[in-house]
């Protein structure tokens, strides 16, 4: 069964510290079944607070999103410790997935991706032991140079340690075909991020779903009938509208596909 979640970023990540109750209430009022939140903007010492808040609004928490610059070798240890705390927090909230984003760096080379692959394998192993699934959330840079970075990660991380939550917007803006990628790696795709861009020429030209370059009908057609829950997350980093207006339009667009 396909379910729709909202990434909290459209409301402004920093607002999650001070206004999480109203933000989750807004998502629920629009009709979303779940919320996806960034680990940096949660108080992981207060799991009971979030459990009560999610239950009050009838929302699931399918995923917590983490990121980090693991190419900064001096910070790797404390970053792994922070992710360990997030994994423990996610367990308490009954969360299913940890979504992980890599870092961009000018001139990112094969060796950088191989270094990341080693660390992501370790994070994925820890998630698996905790009953969670690690999914990689791409940006556009992994799809540069004929998707060299993405393929290096996939080839060097055991499938049991890392699945995928492809961001079809970033794939499209990089000039690749989201459906072709989904078809080739169907066995690793656990969920999807729906993001749209006005064009490929202006970096970070975010727009509401269905008003940009992504062929979401083709992507949705790829999903087909699913056994169990399959989450589509509406993720829009920036909007010219109010956050609630943008979140509502994105929900209505995905609902229309269904």
C-alpha atoms as a PDB file:
ATOM      1  CA  UNK A   1       0.000   0.000   0.000  1.00  0.00           C
ATOM      2  CA  UNK A   2       1.381   3.391  -1.005  1.00  0.00           C
ATOM      3  CA  UNK A   3       1.486   5.982   1.759  1.00  0.00           C
ATOM      4  CA  UNK A   4       2.466   9.653   1.578  1.00  0.00           C
ATOM      5  CA  UNK A   5       4.844  11.367   4.004  1.00  0.00           C
ATOM      6  CA  UNK A   6       6.044  14.954   4.260  1.00  0.00           C
ATOM      7  CA  UNK A   7       9.666  15.931   4.825  1.00  0.00           C
ATOM      8  CA  UNK A   8       9.787  18.618   7.491  1.00  0.00           C
ATOM      9  CA  UNK A   9      12.316  20.683   5.535  1.00  0.00           C
ATOM     10  CA  UNK A  10       9.543  22.551   3.685  1.00  0.00           C
ATOM     11  CA  UNK A  11       8.512  24.084   7.022  1.00  0.00           C
ATOM     12  CA  UNK A  12      12.087  25.157   7.724  1.00  0.00           C
ATOM     13  CA  UNK A  13      14.284  22.696   9.566  1.00  0.00           C
ATOM     14  CA  UNK A  14      15.139  25.097  12.366  1.00  0.00           C
ATOM     15  CA  UNK A  15      11.420  25.564  13.084  1.00  0.00           C
ATOM     16  CA  UNK A  16      11.223  21.932  14.139  1.00  0.00           C
ATOM     17  CA  UNK A  17      12.989  22.889  17.360  1.00  0.00           C
ATOM     18  CA  UNK A  18      10.389  25.443  18.390  1.00  0.00           C
ATOM     19  CA  UNK A  19       7.236  24.611  16.452  1.00  0.00           C
ATOM     20  CA  UNK A  20       7.186  20.847  15.927  1.00  0.00           C
ATOM     21  CA  UNK A  21       3.715  20.504  17.448  1.00  0.00           C
ATOM     22  CA  UNK A  22       2.156  22.912  14.946  1.00  0.00           C
ATOM     23  CA  UNK A  23       4.185  21.491  12.063  1.00  0.00           C
ATOM     24  CA  UNK A  24       3.031  17.923  12.700  1.00  0.00           C
ATOM     25  CA  UNK A  25      -0.502  19.209  13.185  1.00  0.00           C
ATOM     26  CA  UNK A  26      -0.300  20.927   9.803  1.00  0.00           C
ATOM     27  CA  UNK A  27       0.925  17.746   8.081  1.00  0.00           C
ATOM     28  CA  UNK A  28      -1.860  15.704   9.641  1.00  0.00           C
ATOM     29  CA  UNK A  29      -4.480  18.300   8.732  1.00  0.00           C
ATOM     30  CA  UNK A  30      -3.411  18.218   5.094  1.00  0.00           C
ATOM     31  CA  UNK A  31      -3.810  14.443   5.039  1.00  0.00           C
ATOM     32  CA  UNK A  32      -0.274  13.075   5.195  1.00  0.00           C
ATOM     33  CA  UNK A  33       0.068   9.626   6.736  1.00  0.00           C
ATOM     34  CA  UNK A  34       3.624  10.151   7.906  1.00  0.00           C
ATOM     35  CA  UNK A  35       6.340  12.661   8.729  1.00  0.00           C
ATOM     36  CA  UNK A  36      10.007  12.400   7.841  1.00  0.00           C
ATOM     37  CA  UNK A  37      12.281  14.476  10.069  1.00  0.00           C
ATOM     38  CA  UNK A  38      15.970  15.340  10.188  1.00  0.00           C
ATOM     39  CA  UNK A  39      17.880  13.949  13.142  1.00  0.00           C
ATOM     40  CA  UNK A  40      19.720  17.240  13.743  1.00  0.00           C
ATOM     41  CA  UNK A  41      16.432  18.948  14.509  1.00  0.00           C
ATOM     42  CA  UNK A  42      15.119  16.492  17.079  1.00  0.00           C
ATOM     43  CA  UNK A  43      15.785  16.179  20.786  1.00  0.00           C
ATOM     44  CA  UNK A  44      16.823  12.535  20.902  1.00  0.00           C
ATOM     45  CA  UNK A  45      16.738  12.617  24.709  1.00  0.00           C
ATOM     46  CA  UNK A  46      12.942  12.971  24.654  1.00  0.00           C
ATOM     47  CA  UNK A  47      11.521  10.013  22.686  1.00  0.00           C
ATOM     48  CA  UNK A  48       8.300   9.905  24.745  1.00  0.00           C
ATOM     49  CA  UNK A  49       7.487  13.486  23.719  1.00  0.00           C
ATOM     50  CA  UNK A  50       7.620  12.618  20.020  1.00  0.00           C
ATOM     51  CA  UNK A  51       5.757   9.339  20.499  1.00  0.00           C
ATOM     52  CA  UNK A  52       2.856  11.192  22.122  1.00  0.00           C
ATOM     53  CA  UNK A  53       2.934  13.954  19.513  1.00  0.00           C
ATOM     54  CA  UNK A  54       2.866  11.539  16.590  1.00  0.00           C
ATOM     55  CA  UNK A  55       0.067   9.498  18.157  1.00  0.00           C
ATOM     56  CA  UNK A  56      -1.947  12.654  18.857  1.00  0.00           C
ATOM     57  CA  UNK A  57      -1.783  13.590  15.172  1.00  0.00           C
ATOM     58  CA  UNK A  58      -2.226  10.080  13.809  1.00  0.00           C
ATOM     59  CA  UNK A  59       1.113  10.236  12.013  1.00  0.00           C
ATOM     60  CA  UNK A  60       3.674   7.521  11.445  1.00  0.00           C
ATOM     61  CA  UNK A  61       7.406   8.251  11.474  1.00  0.00           C
ATOM     62  CA  UNK A  62       8.660   6.052   8.630  1.00  0.00           C
ATOM     63  CA  UNK A  63      12.143   7.557   8.551  1.00  0.00           C
ATOM     64  CA  UNK A  64      14.653   9.793  10.278  1.00  0.00           C
ATOM     65  CA  UNK A  65      17.069  11.522   7.919  1.00  0.00           C
ATOM     66  CA  UNK A  66      20.760  11.793   8.791  1.00  0.00           C
ATOM     67  CA  UNK A  67      23.684  13.321   6.943  1.00  0.00           C
ATOM     68  CA  UNK A  68      27.308  14.120   7.468  1.00  0.00           C
ATOM     69  CA  UNK A  69      30.642  14.814   5.888  1.00  0.00           C
ATOM     70  CA  UNK A  70      32.483  11.554   6.345  1.00  0.00           C
ATOM     71  CA  UNK A  71      35.268  12.829   4.119  1.00  0.00           C
ATOM     72  CA  UNK A  72      36.266  14.970   7.088  1.00  0.00           C
ATOM     73  CA  UNK A  73      38.351  12.187   8.613  1.00  0.00           C
ATOM     74  CA  UNK A  74      38.820  13.975  11.946  1.00  0.00           C
ATOM     75  CA  UNK A  75      35.080  13.981  12.650  1.00  0.00           C
ATOM     76  CA  UNK A  76      34.191  10.427  11.621  1.00  0.00           C
ATOM     77  CA  UNK A  77      34.188   8.997  15.129  1.00  0.00           C
ATOM     78  CA  UNK A  78      31.819  11.515  16.681  1.00  0.00           C
ATOM     79  CA  UNK A  79      29.576  11.388  13.616  1.00  0.00           C
ATOM     80  CA  UNK A  80      29.275   7.617  14.036  1.00  0.00           C
ATOM     81  CA  UNK A  81      28.482   8.130  17.713  1.00  0.00           C
ATOM     82  CA  UNK A  82      25.722  10.618  16.832  1.00  0.00           C
ATOM     83  CA  UNK A  83      24.229   8.216  14.312  1.00  0.00           C
ATOM     84  CA  UNK A  84      24.339   5.513  16.968  1.00  0.00           C
ATOM     85  CA  UNK A  85      22.229   7.762  19.212  1.00  0.00           C
ATOM     86  CA  UNK A  86      19.819   8.360  16.321  1.00  0.00           C
ATOM     87  CA  UNK A  87      19.468   4.617  15.734  1.00  0.00           C
ATOM     88  CA  UNK A  88      18.600   4.069  19.393  1.00  0.00           C
ATOM     89  CA  UNK A  89      16.108   6.959  19.233  1.00  0.00           C
ATOM     90  CA  UNK A  90      14.510   5.558  16.079  1.00  0.00           C
ATOM     91  CA  UNK A  91      14.092   2.160  17.747  1.00  0.00           C
ATOM     92  CA  UNK A  92      12.153   3.734  20.607  1.00  0.00           C
ATOM     93  CA  UNK A  93       9.841   5.524  18.175  1.00  0.00           C
ATOM     94  CA  UNK A  94       9.161   2.396  16.139  1.00  0.00           C
ATOM     95  CA  UNK A  95      10.782   3.988  13.112  1.00  0.00           C
ATOM     96  CA  UNK A  96      11.454   1.708  10.150  1.00  0.00           C
ATOM     97  CA  UNK A  97      14.173   3.499   8.188  1.00  0.00           C
ATOM     98  CA  UNK A  98      17.256   5.642   8.561  1.00  0.00           C
ATOM     99  CA  UNK A  99      17.733   7.751   5.442  1.00  0.00           C
ATOM    100  CA  UNK A 100      21.346   8.788   4.853  1.00  0.00           C
ATOM    101  CA  UNK A 101      22.695  11.578   2.626  1.00  0.00           C
ATOM    102  CA  UNK A 102      26.305  11.816   1.545  1.00  0.00           C
ATOM    103  CA  UNK A 103      28.358  14.986   1.217  1.00  0.00           C
ATOM    104  CA  UNK A 104      29.390  16.977  -1.832  1.00  0.00           C
ATOM    105  CA  UNK A 105      32.974  18.000  -2.357  1.00  0.00           C
ATOM    106  CA  UNK A 106      34.623  19.746  -5.302  1.00  0.00           C
ATOM    107  CA  UNK A 107      36.565  17.171  -7.312  1.00  0.00           C
ATOM    108  CA  UNK A 108      35.077  14.227  -5.441  1.00  0.00           C
ATOM    109  CA  UNK A 109      37.043  11.174  -6.576  1.00  0.00           C
ATOM    110  CA  UNK A 110      36.626   7.402  -6.619  1.00  0.00           C
ATOM    111  CA  UNK A 111      38.637   7.079  -3.432  1.00  0.00           C
ATOM    112  CA  UNK A 112      36.226   9.398  -1.625  1.00  0.00           C
ATOM    113  CA  UNK A 113      33.242   7.268  -2.576  1.00  0.00           C
ATOM    114  CA  UNK A 114      35.085   4.102  -1.546  1.00  0.00           C
ATOM    115  CA  UNK A 115      35.884   5.673   1.829  1.00  0.00           C
ATOM    116  CA  UNK A 116      32.218   6.547   2.274  1.00  0.00           C
ATOM    117  CA  UNK A 117      31.165   3.065   1.189  1.00  0.00           C
ATOM    118  CA  UNK A 118      33.196   1.515   3.984  1.00  0.00           C
ATOM    119  CA  UNK A 119      31.585   3.749   6.597  1.00  0.00           C
ATOM    120  CA  UNK A 120      28.075   3.388   5.188  1.00  0.00           C
ATOM    121  CA  UNK A 121      28.474  -0.376   5.338  1.00  0.00           C
ATOM    122  CA  UNK A 122      29.253  -0.066   9.038  1.00  0.00           C
ATOM    123  CA  UNK A 123      26.246   2.211   9.623  1.00  0.00           C
ATOM    124  CA  UNK A 124      24.042  -0.186   7.675  1.00  0.00           C
ATOM    125  CA  UNK A 125      25.265  -3.108   9.754  1.00  0.00           C
ATOM    126  CA  UNK A 126      24.392  -1.252  12.953  1.00  0.00           C
ATOM    127  CA  UNK A 127      20.949  -0.402  11.593  1.00  0.00           C
ATOM    128  CA  UNK A 128      20.312  -4.014  10.635  1.00  0.00           C
ATOM    129  CA  UNK A 129      21.297  -5.237  14.077  1.00  0.00           C
ATOM    130  CA  UNK A 130      18.838  -2.724  15.562  1.00  0.00           C
ATOM    131  CA  UNK A 131      15.994  -3.915  13.332  1.00  0.00           C
ATOM    132  CA  UNK A 132      16.167  -0.860  11.037  1.00  0.00           C
ATOM    133  CA  UNK A 133      17.019  -0.444   7.364  1.00  0.00           C
ATOM    134  CA  UNK A 134      19.550   2.079   6.089  1.00  0.00           C
ATOM    135  CA  UNK A 135      18.530   3.740   2.804  1.00  0.00           C
ATOM    136  CA  UNK A 136      20.716   6.075   0.782  1.00  0.00           C
ATOM    137  CA  UNK A 137      19.186   9.385  -0.339  1.00  0.00           C
ATOM    138  CA  UNK A 138      20.991  10.749  -3.384  1.00  0.00           C
ATOM    139  CA  UNK A 139      21.617  14.248  -4.628  1.00  0.00           C
ATOM    140  CA  UNK A 140      22.717  15.200  -8.138  1.00  0.00           C
ATOM    141  CA  UNK A 141      26.463  14.820  -7.705  1.00  0.00           C
ATOM    142  CA  UNK A 142      26.348  11.023  -7.420  1.00  0.00           C
ATOM    143  CA  UNK A 143      24.877  11.007 -10.945  1.00  0.00           C
ATOM    144  CA  UNK A 144      27.563  13.121 -12.552  1.00  0.00           C
ATOM    145  CA  UNK A 145      30.112  11.445 -14.842  1.00  0.00           C
ATOM    146  CA  UNK A 146      27.657   8.744 -15.973  1.00  0.00           C
ATOM    147  CA  UNK A 147      26.508   8.088 -12.384  1.00  0.00           C
ATOM    148  CA  UNK A 148      30.024   7.058 -11.380  1.00  0.00           C
ATOM    149  CA  UNK A 149      29.649   7.926  -7.689  1.00  0.00           C
ATOM    150  CA  UNK A 150      26.297   6.194  -7.284  1.00  0.00           C
ATOM    151  CA  UNK A 151      27.507   3.015  -8.938  1.00  0.00           C
ATOM    152  CA  UNK A 152      30.664   2.947  -6.804  1.00  0.00           C
ATOM    153  CA  UNK A 153      28.557   3.107  -3.646  1.00  0.00           C
ATOM    154  CA  UNK A 154      26.197   0.387  -4.844  1.00  0.00           C
ATOM    155  CA  UNK A 155      29.016  -1.883  -5.997  1.00  0.00           C
ATOM    156  CA  UNK A 156      30.950  -1.580  -2.740  1.00  0.00           C
ATOM    157  CA  UNK A 157      28.215  -1.705  -0.091  1.00  0.00           C
ATOM    158  CA  UNK A 158      26.510  -5.074   0.524  1.00  0.00           C
ATOM    159  CA  UNK A 159      22.842  -4.845  -0.390  1.00  0.00           C
ATOM    160  CA  UNK A 160      21.775  -6.062   3.062  1.00  0.00           C
ATOM    161  CA  UNK A 161      23.524  -3.052   4.612  1.00  0.00           C
ATOM    162  CA  UNK A 162      22.228  -0.331   2.296  1.00  0.00           C
ATOM    163  CA  UNK A 163      18.975   0.004   0.391  1.00  0.00           C
ATOM    164  CA  UNK A 164      17.821   3.057  -1.555  1.00  0.00           C
ATOM    165  CA  UNK A 165      15.335   5.888  -1.173  1.00  0.00           C
ATOM    166  CA  UNK A 166      15.984   7.508  -4.564  1.00  0.00           C
ATOM    167  CA  UNK A 167      15.272  11.216  -4.886  1.00  0.00           C
ATOM    168  CA  UNK A 168      13.847  11.310  -8.393  1.00  0.00           C
ATOM    169  CA  UNK A 169      14.155  15.097  -8.594  1.00  0.00           C
ATOM    170  CA  UNK A 170      17.896  15.130  -8.048  1.00  0.00           C
ATOM    171  CA  UNK A 171      18.302  12.269 -10.536  1.00  0.00           C
ATOM    172  CA  UNK A 172      16.377  14.204 -13.185  1.00  0.00           C
ATOM    173  CA  UNK A 173      18.158  17.506 -12.595  1.00  0.00           C
ATOM    174  CA  UNK A 174      21.482  15.681 -13.031  1.00  0.00           C
ATOM    175  CA  UNK A 175      20.316  14.674 -16.514  1.00  0.00           C
ATOM    176  CA  UNK A 176      19.721  10.991 -15.740  1.00  0.00           C
ATOM    177  CA  UNK A 177      16.511   9.010 -16.188  1.00  0.00           C
ATOM    178  CA  UNK A 178      14.834   8.225 -12.839  1.00  0.00           C
ATOM    179  CA  UNK A 179      12.781   5.324 -14.203  1.00  0.00           C
ATOM    180  CA  UNK A 180      15.805   3.694 -15.830  1.00  0.00           C
ATOM    181  CA  UNK A 181      17.685   3.928 -12.530  1.00  0.00           C
ATOM    182  CA  UNK A 182      14.729   2.500 -10.612  1.00  0.00           C
ATOM    183  CA  UNK A 183      14.426  -0.389 -13.031  1.00  0.00           C
ATOM    184  CA  UNK A 184      18.118  -1.277 -12.783  1.00  0.00           C
ATOM    185  CA  UNK A 185      18.153  -1.191  -8.987  1.00  0.00           C
ATOM    186  CA  UNK A 186      14.587  -2.267  -8.228  1.00  0.00           C
ATOM    187  CA  UNK A 187      15.730  -4.817  -5.655  1.00  0.00           C
ATOM    188  CA  UNK A 188      17.235  -2.116  -3.450  1.00  0.00           C
ATOM    189  CA  UNK A 189      14.489   0.515  -3.683  1.00  0.00           C
ATOM    190  CA  UNK A 190      12.577   0.711  -0.388  1.00  0.00           C
ATOM    191  CA  UNK A 191      10.845   4.092  -0.760  1.00  0.00           C
ATOM    192  CA  UNK A 192      10.965   7.252  -2.881  1.00  0.00           C
ATOM    193  CA  UNK A 193      11.496  10.972  -2.458  1.00  0.00           C
ATOM    194  CA  UNK A 194       9.460  13.148  -4.797  1.00  0.00           C
ATOM    195  CA  UNK A 195      11.148  16.492  -5.502  1.00  0.00           C
ATOM    196  CA  UNK A 196      10.769  18.789  -8.508  1.00  0.00           C
ATOM    197  CA  UNK A 197      12.881  21.493 -10.164  1.00  0.00           C
ATOM    198  CA  UNK A 198      11.883  24.289 -12.510  1.00  0.00           C
ATOM    199  CA  UNK A 199      14.740  23.467 -14.893  1.00  0.00           C
ATOM    200  CA  UNK A 200      18.206  21.961 -15.105  1.00  0.00           C
ATOM    201  CA  UNK A 201      20.028  25.243 -15.707  1.00  0.00           C
ATOM    202  CA  UNK A 202      19.500  27.065 -12.404  1.00  0.00           C
ATOM    203  CA  UNK A 203      20.893  25.171  -9.389  1.00  0.00           C
ATOM    204  CA  UNK A 204      18.415  24.544  -6.594  1.00  0.00           C
ATOM    205  CA  UNK A 205      15.400  25.932  -8.478  1.00  0.00           C
ATOM    206  CA  UNK A 206      12.910  23.995  -6.377  1.00  0.00           C
ATOM    207  CA  UNK A 207       9.238  24.002  -7.285  1.00  0.00           C
ATOM    208  CA  UNK A 208       6.027  22.260  -6.288  1.00  0.00           C
ATOM    209  CA  UNK A 209       5.503  18.736  -7.582  1.00  0.00           C
ATOM    210  CA  UNK A 210       4.185  18.509 -11.112  1.00  0.00           C
ATOM    211  CA  UNK A 211       5.232  22.037 -12.075  1.00  0.00           C
ATOM    212  CA  UNK A 212       8.802  21.224 -13.104  1.00  0.00           C
ATOM    213  CA  UNK A 213      10.935  18.784 -15.074  1.00  0.00           C
ATOM    214  CA  UNK A 214      10.202  15.418 -13.438  1.00  0.00           C
ATOM    215  CA  UNK A 215       7.916  12.898 -15.153  1.00  0.00           C
ATOM    216  CA  UNK A 216       6.185  11.732 -11.970  1.00  0.00           C
ATOM    217  CA  UNK A 217       3.534   9.805 -13.897  1.00  0.00           C
ATOM    218  CA  UNK A 218       6.250   7.565 -15.310  1.00  0.00           C
ATOM    219  CA  UNK A 219       7.835   7.167 -11.879  1.00  0.00           C
ATOM    220  CA  UNK A 220       4.501   6.342 -10.292  1.00  0.00           C
ATOM    221  CA  UNK A 221       3.839   3.862 -13.085  1.00  0.00           C
ATOM    222  CA  UNK A 222       7.078   2.099 -12.164  1.00  0.00           C
ATOM    223  CA  UNK A 223       5.940   1.627  -8.568  1.00  0.00           C
ATOM    224  CA  UNK A 224       2.992  -0.573  -9.536  1.00  0.00           C
ATOM    225  CA  UNK A 225       1.189  -2.713  -6.949  1.00  0.00           C
ATOM    226  CA  UNK A 226       3.187  -3.156  -3.765  1.00  0.00           C
ATOM    227  CA  UNK A 227       3.020  -5.640  -0.957  1.00  0.00           C
ATOM    228  CA  UNK A 228       3.219  -3.926   2.413  1.00  0.00           C
ATOM    229  CA  UNK A 229       3.699  -0.204   2.977  1.00  0.00           C
ATOM    230  CA  UNK A 230       5.634   1.778   0.375  1.00  0.00           C
ATOM    231  CA  UNK A 231       6.341   5.377   1.319  1.00  0.00           C
ATOM    232  CA  UNK A 232       6.513   8.330  -1.038  1.00  0.00           C
ATOM    233  CA  UNK A 233       7.891  11.403   0.706  1.00  0.00           C
ATOM    234  CA  UNK A 234       7.192  14.884  -0.634  1.00  0.00           C
ATOM    235  CA  UNK A 235      10.416  16.825  -0.102  1.00  0.00           C
ATOM    236  CA  UNK A 236      10.771  20.458  -1.111  1.00  0.00           C
ATOM    237  CA  UNK A 237      13.787  22.288   0.250  1.00  0.00           C
ATOM    238  CA  UNK A 238      12.510  25.810  -0.511  1.00  0.00           C
ATOM    239  CA  UNK A 239       9.238  27.376  -1.633  1.00  0.00           C
ATOM    240  CA  UNK A 240       7.974  30.803  -2.663  1.00  0.00           C
ATOM    241  CA  UNK A 241       4.645  29.946  -1.022  1.00  0.00           C
ATOM    242  CA  UNK A 242       3.917  29.442   2.643  1.00  0.00           C
ATOM    243  CA  UNK A 243       5.149  26.053   3.900  1.00  0.00           C
ATOM    244  CA  UNK A 244       1.601  24.817   4.462  1.00  0.00           C
ATOM    245  CA  UNK A 245       0.476  25.884   0.972  1.00  0.00           C
ATOM    246  CA  UNK A 246       3.438  24.080  -0.576  1.00  0.00           C
ATOM    247  CA  UNK A 247       2.925  20.950   1.529  1.00  0.00           C
ATOM    248  CA  UNK A 248      -0.763  20.901   0.597  1.00  0.00           C
ATOM    249  CA  UNK A 249      -0.116  21.246  -3.138  1.00  0.00           C
ATOM    250  CA  UNK A 250       2.485  18.464  -3.016  1.00  0.00           C
ATOM    251  CA  UNK A 251       0.112  16.170  -1.141  1.00  0.00           C
ATOM    252  CA  UNK A 252      -2.698  16.866  -3.579  1.00  0.00           C
ATOM    253  CA  UNK A 253      -0.415  16.166  -6.531  1.00  0.00           C
ATOM    254  CA  UNK A 254       0.711  12.773  -5.234  1.00  0.00           C
ATOM    255  CA  UNK A 255      -2.847  11.901  -4.229  1.00  0.00           C
ATOM    256  CA  UNK A 256      -3.908  12.735  -7.777  1.00  0.00           C
ATOM    257  CA  UNK A 257      -1.430  10.210  -9.152  1.00  0.00           C
ATOM    258  CA  UNK A 258      -2.963   7.582  -6.891  1.00  0.00           C
END
